[in-house]
């Protein structure tokens, strides 16, 4: 009975997160730290940092993987899958509805002027997230150098191939210092390959089925599954690749439709990868509303399942794996590099903002409020939305 109550509370917390988690994976980390660690104590700060580092290494949506991994830690696969559903459904419903609405009403743009103050607030939240993780993981000259190099390279080379290379290099550099790590008693490492084979099997099956049937919905699933399997670095990396594939190459939607969905996605909470459901709905606009809903489902499943399968594969032996000194030592480098990526993301998210004095005030104000007060980020977001409506 106690476990059921705890699981219910945890899922309620996940719902709170998905309804208030603006700003992308970097801002999500700060919210996870606040709610899951400081308020609820589902795990400690070091565990969250290690999970975040692990999910940075794996392809797929970092925030989603981290959150489902926490659910797995608390209640096993069942709670983890429920966590995934609760986290995805609100953003999925909004983006699918938007895709259908744009198709039916034939609108090219959605007015989002009321979110004008949310964007600089989100940048401030990302900056606070960078500050939080840097303060905890960047210790020593090596970590500072890795963080700085990662930030500069991530800022100037915005390609998905950079992220895994940086993470592997960072982990490899600090792995040489494994002798400084304390020795822990470790048993035999048991790896259960089922989820890895499931990931690979679905990949091959979807590609083969799409080629044989040529069905658009199957091809959409395969396209998004492939993207979800190969994307490192989160939603910011996914966006330009989706634009190139579905707008410029395949022509499933227009540039105006894509930009409308992207703008809406920036204004709603939840995972950035939820843009997939919008694209899936638009792609089947010539086949009716029910087909559009099916397209949104196939796209969302395609982009979220690979990362889910992979984190479920790794998390089962992660506790035993990190007992090895070389693994623990590599986490230091991976964490330093990922902190540099978050720092770079702060500046990358700042650049598209309108250069208005109010934005230059809101961003640092948000940062200092989070540093020096206990006001939670959802309150700041709500205040920003209300200000956008009345001012």
Protein backbone atom coordinates (compact mmCIF):
# COMPACT_ATOMS: atom_id res chain seq x y z
CA UNK A 1 0.00 0.00 0.00
CA UNK A 2 2.84 2.37 0.91
CA UNK A 3 4.53 1.71 -2.43
CA UNK A 4 1.32 2.44 -4.35
CA UNK A 5 0.90 5.75 -2.53
CA UNK A 6 4.52 6.66 -3.22
CA UNK A 7 4.14 5.76 -6.89
CA UNK A 8 1.01 7.91 -7.11
CA UNK A 9 2.86 10.86 -5.56
CA UNK A 10 5.77 10.36 -7.95
CA UNK A 11 3.49 10.31 -11.02
CA UNK A 12 1.74 13.42 -9.70
CA UNK A 13 5.14 15.10 -9.47
CA UNK A 14 5.90 14.05 -13.06
CA UNK A 15 2.60 15.62 -14.15
CA UNK A 16 3.54 18.85 -12.37
CA UNK A 17 6.87 18.80 -14.22
CA UNK A 18 5.37 18.20 -17.65
CA UNK A 19 2.88 21.06 -17.14
CA UNK A 20 5.55 23.52 -16.01
CA UNK A 21 8.82 22.36 -17.62
CA UNK A 22 9.63 25.17 -20.05
CA UNK A 23 13.04 25.84 -21.53
CA UNK A 24 14.26 22.49 -22.88
CA UNK A 25 16.49 19.82 -21.30
CA UNK A 26 18.93 22.27 -19.73
CA UNK A 27 16.17 24.05 -17.82
CA UNK A 28 14.53 20.69 -17.06
CA UNK A 29 17.65 19.63 -15.16
CA UNK A 30 17.24 22.52 -12.73
CA UNK A 31 13.60 21.58 -12.17
CA UNK A 32 14.47 17.91 -11.65
CA UNK A 33 17.09 18.94 -9.13
CA UNK A 34 14.61 21.11 -7.27
CA UNK A 35 11.62 18.73 -7.21
CA UNK A 36 13.05 15.21 -7.42
CA UNK A 37 16.13 15.76 -5.26
CA UNK A 38 15.65 18.66 -2.86
CA UNK A 39 11.90 18.44 -2.20
CA UNK A 40 11.11 14.73 -2.59
CA UNK A 41 14.45 12.98 -2.11
CA UNK A 42 13.78 10.32 -4.74
CA UNK A 43 17.54 10.34 -5.35
CA UNK A 44 20.50 12.44 -4.27
CA UNK A 45 22.28 15.15 -6.26
CA UNK A 46 25.18 12.92 -7.27
CA UNK A 47 22.83 10.24 -8.60
CA UNK A 48 20.96 12.82 -10.68
CA UNK A 49 24.22 14.22 -12.08
CA UNK A 50 25.40 10.70 -12.96
CA UNK A 51 22.07 9.87 -14.61
CA UNK A 52 22.19 13.11 -16.57
CA UNK A 53 25.73 12.29 -17.71
CA UNK A 54 24.65 8.78 -18.72
CA UNK A 55 21.70 10.11 -20.74
CA UNK A 56 23.98 12.64 -22.44
CA UNK A 57 26.02 9.72 -23.77
CA UNK A 58 22.97 7.90 -25.16
CA UNK A 59 21.05 9.07 -28.22
CA UNK A 60 17.53 10.36 -27.69
CA UNK A 61 15.72 12.95 -25.55
CA UNK A 62 17.87 13.59 -22.47
CA UNK A 63 15.14 14.89 -20.16
CA UNK A 64 12.77 12.05 -21.04
CA UNK A 65 15.47 9.42 -20.49
CA UNK A 66 16.55 10.94 -17.18
CA UNK A 67 12.99 11.09 -15.88
CA UNK A 68 12.09 7.55 -16.97
CA UNK A 69 15.34 6.31 -15.42
CA UNK A 70 14.28 7.87 -12.10
CA UNK A 71 10.91 6.11 -12.45
CA UNK A 72 12.72 2.83 -13.14
CA UNK A 73 14.89 3.33 -10.06
CA UNK A 74 11.83 3.87 -7.86
CA UNK A 75 9.37 1.33 -9.23
CA UNK A 76 10.89 -0.73 -12.03
CA UNK A 77 9.77 -0.96 -15.68
CA UNK A 78 6.03 -0.50 -15.02
CA UNK A 79 6.45 2.82 -13.21
CA UNK A 80 9.03 3.89 -15.78
CA UNK A 81 6.61 3.37 -18.68
CA UNK A 82 3.85 5.18 -16.76
CA UNK A 83 6.31 8.01 -16.15
CA UNK A 84 6.99 8.18 -19.88
CA UNK A 85 3.27 8.38 -20.69
CA UNK A 86 2.50 11.05 -18.09
CA UNK A 87 5.48 13.11 -19.24
CA UNK A 88 4.56 12.91 -22.95
CA UNK A 89 0.77 13.08 -23.13
CA UNK A 90 0.08 16.81 -22.40
CA UNK A 91 2.59 18.10 -24.98
CA UNK A 92 1.53 15.37 -27.43
CA UNK A 93 -2.13 16.43 -27.21
CA UNK A 94 -1.31 20.13 -27.67
CA UNK A 95 1.03 19.62 -30.62
CA UNK A 96 -1.24 17.09 -32.35
CA UNK A 97 -4.24 19.40 -31.96
CA UNK A 98 -2.19 22.29 -33.34
CA UNK A 99 -1.13 20.23 -36.35
CA UNK A 100 -4.72 19.27 -37.13
CA UNK A 101 -5.95 22.83 -36.57
CA UNK A 102 -3.39 24.32 -38.94
CA UNK A 103 -4.33 21.74 -41.56
CA UNK A 104 -8.06 22.35 -41.25
CA UNK A 105 -8.09 26.10 -40.85
CA UNK A 106 -5.13 26.59 -43.22
CA UNK A 107 -3.32 29.06 -40.97
CA UNK A 108 0.34 29.76 -41.51
CA UNK A 109 1.10 31.38 -38.17
CA UNK A 110 -0.10 31.23 -34.60
CA UNK A 111 0.03 34.40 -32.53
CA UNK A 112 2.21 33.76 -29.52
CA UNK A 113 2.78 37.34 -28.43
CA UNK A 114 1.61 36.50 -24.91
CA UNK A 115 4.73 34.34 -24.48
CA UNK A 116 7.12 37.23 -25.16
CA UNK A 117 8.34 37.28 -21.55
CA UNK A 118 8.51 33.49 -21.19
CA UNK A 119 11.42 33.22 -23.63
CA UNK A 120 13.90 35.42 -21.68
CA UNK A 121 12.74 33.73 -18.47
CA UNK A 122 13.55 30.35 -20.04
CA UNK A 123 17.04 31.58 -20.97
CA UNK A 124 17.55 32.70 -17.37
CA UNK A 125 16.45 29.26 -16.18
CA UNK A 126 18.93 27.59 -18.53
CA UNK A 127 21.66 29.87 -17.19
CA UNK A 128 20.75 28.87 -13.65
CA UNK A 129 20.87 25.20 -14.68
CA UNK A 130 24.38 25.74 -16.09
CA UNK A 131 25.44 27.50 -12.89
CA UNK A 132 24.03 24.67 -10.74
CA UNK A 133 25.72 21.82 -12.53
CA UNK A 134 29.02 23.70 -12.99
CA UNK A 135 29.17 24.42 -9.26
CA UNK A 136 28.74 20.73 -8.46
CA UNK A 137 30.82 18.92 -11.09
CA UNK A 138 33.52 21.30 -12.33
CA UNK A 139 36.37 20.82 -9.86
CA UNK A 140 40.01 21.14 -10.76
CA UNK A 141 41.91 22.47 -13.77
CA UNK A 142 41.09 19.52 -16.01
CA UNK A 143 37.34 19.93 -15.51
CA UNK A 144 37.56 23.69 -16.14
CA UNK A 145 39.48 23.14 -19.37
CA UNK A 146 37.02 20.45 -20.55
CA UNK A 147 34.03 22.63 -19.70
CA UNK A 148 35.46 25.67 -21.49
CA UNK A 149 36.50 23.72 -24.58
CA UNK A 150 33.12 21.97 -24.72
CA UNK A 151 31.24 25.27 -24.45
CA UNK A 152 33.25 26.90 -27.25
CA UNK A 153 33.08 23.91 -29.60
CA UNK A 154 29.35 23.32 -28.93
CA UNK A 155 28.63 26.98 -29.64
CA UNK A 156 30.47 27.17 -32.95
CA UNK A 157 29.89 23.64 -34.29
CA UNK A 158 26.17 22.90 -34.04
CA UNK A 159 26.12 19.39 -35.46
CA UNK A 160 24.89 16.20 -33.76
CA UNK A 161 28.19 14.45 -34.39
CA UNK A 162 30.05 16.88 -32.14
CA UNK A 163 28.17 15.91 -28.97
CA UNK A 164 29.09 12.20 -28.70
CA UNK A 165 32.68 12.94 -29.75
CA UNK A 166 33.08 15.60 -27.04
CA UNK A 167 31.54 13.36 -24.39
CA UNK A 168 33.75 10.41 -25.31
CA UNK A 169 36.87 12.58 -25.36
CA UNK A 170 36.00 14.15 -21.99
CA UNK A 171 35.29 10.77 -20.42
CA UNK A 172 38.45 9.30 -21.95
CA UNK A 173 40.67 12.08 -20.60
CA UNK A 174 39.50 11.77 -16.99
CA UNK A 175 39.43 7.96 -17.19
CA UNK A 176 43.25 8.04 -17.00
CA UNK A 177 42.88 9.27 -13.40
CA UNK A 178 40.96 6.17 -12.34
CA UNK A 179 43.54 5.32 -9.65
CA UNK A 180 42.37 8.35 -7.65
CA UNK A 181 38.93 6.76 -7.31
CA UNK A 182 38.26 4.65 -4.19
CA UNK A 183 38.10 0.91 -4.72
CA UNK A 184 34.59 -0.54 -4.34
CA UNK A 185 33.66 -4.16 -3.95
CA UNK A 186 32.09 -5.33 -7.18
CA UNK A 187 30.61 -8.55 -8.35
CA UNK A 188 30.21 -10.02 -11.79
CA UNK A 189 28.64 -7.67 -14.31
CA UNK A 190 25.38 -9.16 -15.64
CA UNK A 191 24.12 -7.51 -18.82
CA UNK A 192 20.58 -8.21 -20.00
CA UNK A 193 20.53 -7.62 -23.73
CA UNK A 194 16.77 -7.80 -24.32
CA UNK A 195 16.13 -4.05 -24.65
CA UNK A 196 19.21 -3.59 -26.85
CA UNK A 197 17.99 -6.29 -29.22
CA UNK A 198 14.51 -4.79 -29.06
CA UNK A 199 15.90 -1.41 -30.12
CA UNK A 200 17.84 -2.91 -33.02
CA UNK A 201 15.01 -5.24 -34.03
CA UNK A 202 12.44 -2.46 -34.25
CA UNK A 203 14.93 -0.36 -36.23
CA UNK A 204 15.40 -3.07 -38.87
CA UNK A 205 11.75 -4.17 -38.93
CA UNK A 206 10.44 -0.61 -39.42
CA UNK A 207 12.90 0.03 -42.24
CA UNK A 208 11.97 -3.23 -43.99
CA UNK A 209 8.20 -2.76 -43.51
CA UNK A 210 8.33 0.81 -44.78
CA UNK A 211 10.24 -0.29 -47.86
CA UNK A 212 7.80 -3.14 -48.64
CA UNK A 213 4.48 -1.39 -47.96
CA UNK A 214 5.50 2.19 -48.83
CA UNK A 215 2.80 3.27 -46.34
CA UNK A 216 3.29 6.89 -45.28
CA UNK A 217 2.49 6.25 -41.61
CA UNK A 218 5.07 3.42 -41.45
CA UNK A 219 7.66 5.56 -43.21
CA UNK A 220 7.02 8.37 -40.72
CA UNK A 221 7.58 5.95 -37.84
CA UNK A 222 10.80 4.71 -39.45
CA UNK A 223 12.03 8.25 -40.17
CA UNK A 224 11.50 9.39 -36.60
CA UNK A 225 12.82 6.15 -35.12
CA UNK A 226 16.02 6.63 -37.11
CA UNK A 227 16.32 10.25 -35.97
CA UNK A 228 15.61 9.26 -32.35
CA UNK A 229 18.33 6.59 -32.57
CA UNK A 230 21.01 8.86 -33.94
CA UNK A 231 20.45 12.23 -32.24
CA UNK A 232 22.84 13.22 -29.47
CA UNK A 233 22.44 16.50 -27.65
CA UNK A 234 18.68 16.84 -27.23
CA UNK A 235 15.96 18.80 -28.96
CA UNK A 236 18.11 21.71 -30.10
CA UNK A 237 20.03 19.29 -32.33
CA UNK A 238 16.88 17.52 -33.52
CA UNK A 239 15.17 20.66 -34.88
CA UNK A 240 17.46 21.48 -37.84
CA UNK A 241 17.59 17.82 -38.88
CA UNK A 242 13.79 17.54 -38.89
CA UNK A 243 13.53 20.72 -40.93
CA UNK A 244 16.01 19.44 -43.51
CA UNK A 245 14.38 16.01 -43.82
CA UNK A 246 10.66 16.78 -43.65
CA UNK A 247 10.51 20.27 -45.17
CA UNK A 248 13.39 20.63 -47.61
CA UNK A 249 13.91 17.00 -48.67
CA UNK A 250 10.54 15.26 -48.41
CA UNK A 251 8.17 18.22 -48.49
CA UNK A 252 5.72 16.74 -45.96
CA UNK A 253 5.02 20.25 -44.65
CA UNK A 254 5.85 23.80 -45.65
CA UNK A 255 8.45 26.01 -44.03
CA UNK A 256 5.65 28.20 -42.62
CA UNK A 257 3.90 25.19 -41.08
CA UNK A 258 7.15 23.95 -39.54
CA UNK A 259 7.97 27.36 -38.07
CA UNK A 260 4.45 27.67 -36.65
CA UNK A 261 4.86 24.33 -34.89
CA UNK A 262 8.34 25.26 -33.68
CA UNK A 263 7.06 28.56 -32.24
CA UNK A 264 4.22 26.79 -30.43
CA UNK A 265 6.58 24.16 -29.05
CA UNK A 266 8.73 26.93 -27.54
CA UNK A 267 5.66 28.26 -25.73
CA UNK A 268 4.47 25.02 -24.14
CA UNK A 269 6.02 22.90 -21.38
CA UNK A 270 7.26 19.36 -21.77
CA UNK A 271 9.76 17.61 -24.05
CA UNK A 272 11.11 19.43 -27.12
CA UNK A 273 10.81 16.18 -29.08
CA UNK A 274 7.01 16.65 -28.96
CA UNK A 275 7.39 18.61 -32.21
CA UNK A 276 7.40 15.16 -33.81
CA UNK A 277 3.65 14.74 -33.21
CA UNK A 278 2.97 18.08 -34.92
CA UNK A 279 4.96 17.01 -37.97
CA UNK A 280 3.27 13.60 -38.00
CA UNK A 281 -0.19 15.22 -37.96
CA UNK A 282 0.65 17.71 -40.71
CA UNK A 283 2.26 15.01 -42.89
CA UNK A 284 -1.05 13.13 -43.21
CA UNK A 285 -3.24 16.21 -43.72
CA UNK A 286 -4.56 14.84 -47.04
CA UNK A 287 -5.93 11.68 -45.39
CA UNK A 288 -8.36 13.03 -42.78
CA UNK A 289 -8.30 13.79 -39.06
CA UNK A 290 -8.11 10.18 -37.87
CA UNK A 291 -5.14 9.53 -40.14
CA UNK A 292 -3.51 12.69 -38.76
CA UNK A 293 -3.94 11.45 -35.20
CA UNK A 294 -2.40 8.14 -36.28
CA UNK A 295 0.49 10.00 -37.91
CA UNK A 296 1.10 11.98 -34.72
CA UNK A 297 1.13 8.76 -32.67
CA UNK A 298 3.53 7.04 -35.07
CA UNK A 299 5.88 10.03 -35.09
CA UNK A 300 5.88 10.35 -31.29
CA UNK A 301 6.44 6.62 -30.80
CA UNK A 302 9.18 6.67 -33.40
CA UNK A 303 11.18 9.48 -31.83
CA UNK A 304 10.75 8.52 -28.15
CA UNK A 305 11.02 4.71 -28.22
CA UNK A 306 14.72 4.38 -29.20
CA UNK A 307 15.97 6.43 -26.26
CA UNK A 308 13.58 4.59 -23.94
CA UNK A 309 14.78 1.16 -25.06
CA UNK A 310 18.42 2.21 -24.69
CA UNK A 311 18.08 3.75 -21.22
CA UNK A 312 16.16 0.67 -20.04
CA UNK A 313 19.01 -1.47 -21.42
CA UNK A 314 21.76 0.48 -19.62
CA UNK A 315 19.99 1.37 -16.35
CA UNK A 316 19.65 -2.31 -15.39
CA UNK A 317 23.40 -2.72 -14.93
CA UNK A 318 24.35 0.93 -14.38
CA UNK A 319 24.68 0.54 -10.59
CA UNK A 320 27.16 -2.31 -11.03
CA UNK A 321 28.94 -0.68 -13.97
CA UNK A 322 29.73 2.54 -12.13
CA UNK A 323 31.50 0.56 -9.36
CA UNK A 324 34.41 0.21 -11.76
CA UNK A 325 36.92 2.98 -11.06
CA UNK A 326 37.55 3.75 -14.71
CA UNK A 327 33.81 4.30 -15.28
CA UNK A 328 33.48 6.58 -12.25
CA UNK A 329 36.53 8.53 -13.37
CA UNK A 330 35.12 8.96 -16.88
CA UNK A 331 31.87 10.35 -15.43
CA UNK A 332 33.85 13.36 -14.15
CA UNK A 333 34.91 14.23 -17.69
CA UNK A 334 31.48 13.55 -19.16
CA UNK A 335 29.84 15.76 -16.53
CA UNK A 336 32.33 18.59 -17.18
CA UNK A 337 31.74 18.39 -20.93
CA UNK A 338 27.96 18.29 -20.52
CA UNK A 339 28.12 21.36 -18.26
CA UNK A 340 29.96 23.14 -21.07
CA UNK A 341 27.18 22.14 -23.47
CA UNK A 342 24.58 23.63 -21.14
CA UNK A 343 26.62 26.83 -20.91
CA UNK A 344 26.75 27.01 -24.70
CA UNK A 345 23.01 26.38 -24.89
CA UNK A 346 22.42 29.45 -22.70
CA UNK A 347 24.11 31.68 -25.28
CA UNK A 348 22.54 29.86 -28.24
CA UNK A 349 19.05 30.37 -26.79
CA UNK A 350 19.87 34.02 -26.10
CA UNK A 351 20.78 34.87 -29.69
CA UNK A 352 17.29 34.53 -31.28
CA UNK A 353 15.65 36.77 -28.67
CA UNK A 354 14.57 40.25 -29.67
CA UNK A 355 17.18 42.73 -28.56
CA UNK A 356 14.97 44.78 -26.28
CA UNK A 357 15.93 46.32 -22.91
CA UNK A 358 13.21 44.37 -21.09
CA UNK A 359 14.76 41.06 -22.18
CA UNK A 360 18.19 42.13 -20.89
CA UNK A 361 16.53 42.81 -17.55
CA UNK A 362 14.38 39.66 -17.34
CA UNK A 363 17.16 37.15 -18.05
CA UNK A 364 19.56 38.13 -15.25
CA UNK A 365 16.64 38.85 -12.92
CA UNK A 366 15.39 35.28 -13.41
CA UNK A 367 18.88 33.91 -12.78
CA UNK A 368 19.42 35.86 -9.54
CA UNK A 369 15.91 35.07 -8.27
CA UNK A 370 16.64 31.36 -8.65
CA UNK A 371 20.09 31.69 -7.06
CA UNK A 372 19.13 33.80 -4.04
CA UNK A 373 15.49 32.87 -3.35
CA UNK A 374 13.40 29.73 -3.06
CA UNK A 375 10.81 30.82 -5.63
CA UNK A 376 10.21 27.78 -7.90
CA UNK A 377 10.60 28.05 -11.66
CA UNK A 378 6.89 27.32 -12.42
CA UNK A 379 5.91 30.48 -10.53
CA UNK A 380 8.27 32.54 -12.67
CA UNK A 381 6.81 31.02 -15.84
CA UNK A 382 3.24 31.76 -14.73
CA UNK A 383 4.17 35.35 -13.87
CA UNK A 384 5.76 35.72 -17.29
CA UNK A 385 2.64 34.40 -19.04
CA UNK A 386 0.34 36.71 -17.06
CA UNK A 387 2.60 39.69 -17.78
CA UNK A 388 2.51 38.83 -21.48
CA UNK A 389 -1.29 38.81 -21.45
CA UNK A 390 -1.80 42.13 -19.64
CA UNK A 391 1.15 44.21 -20.82
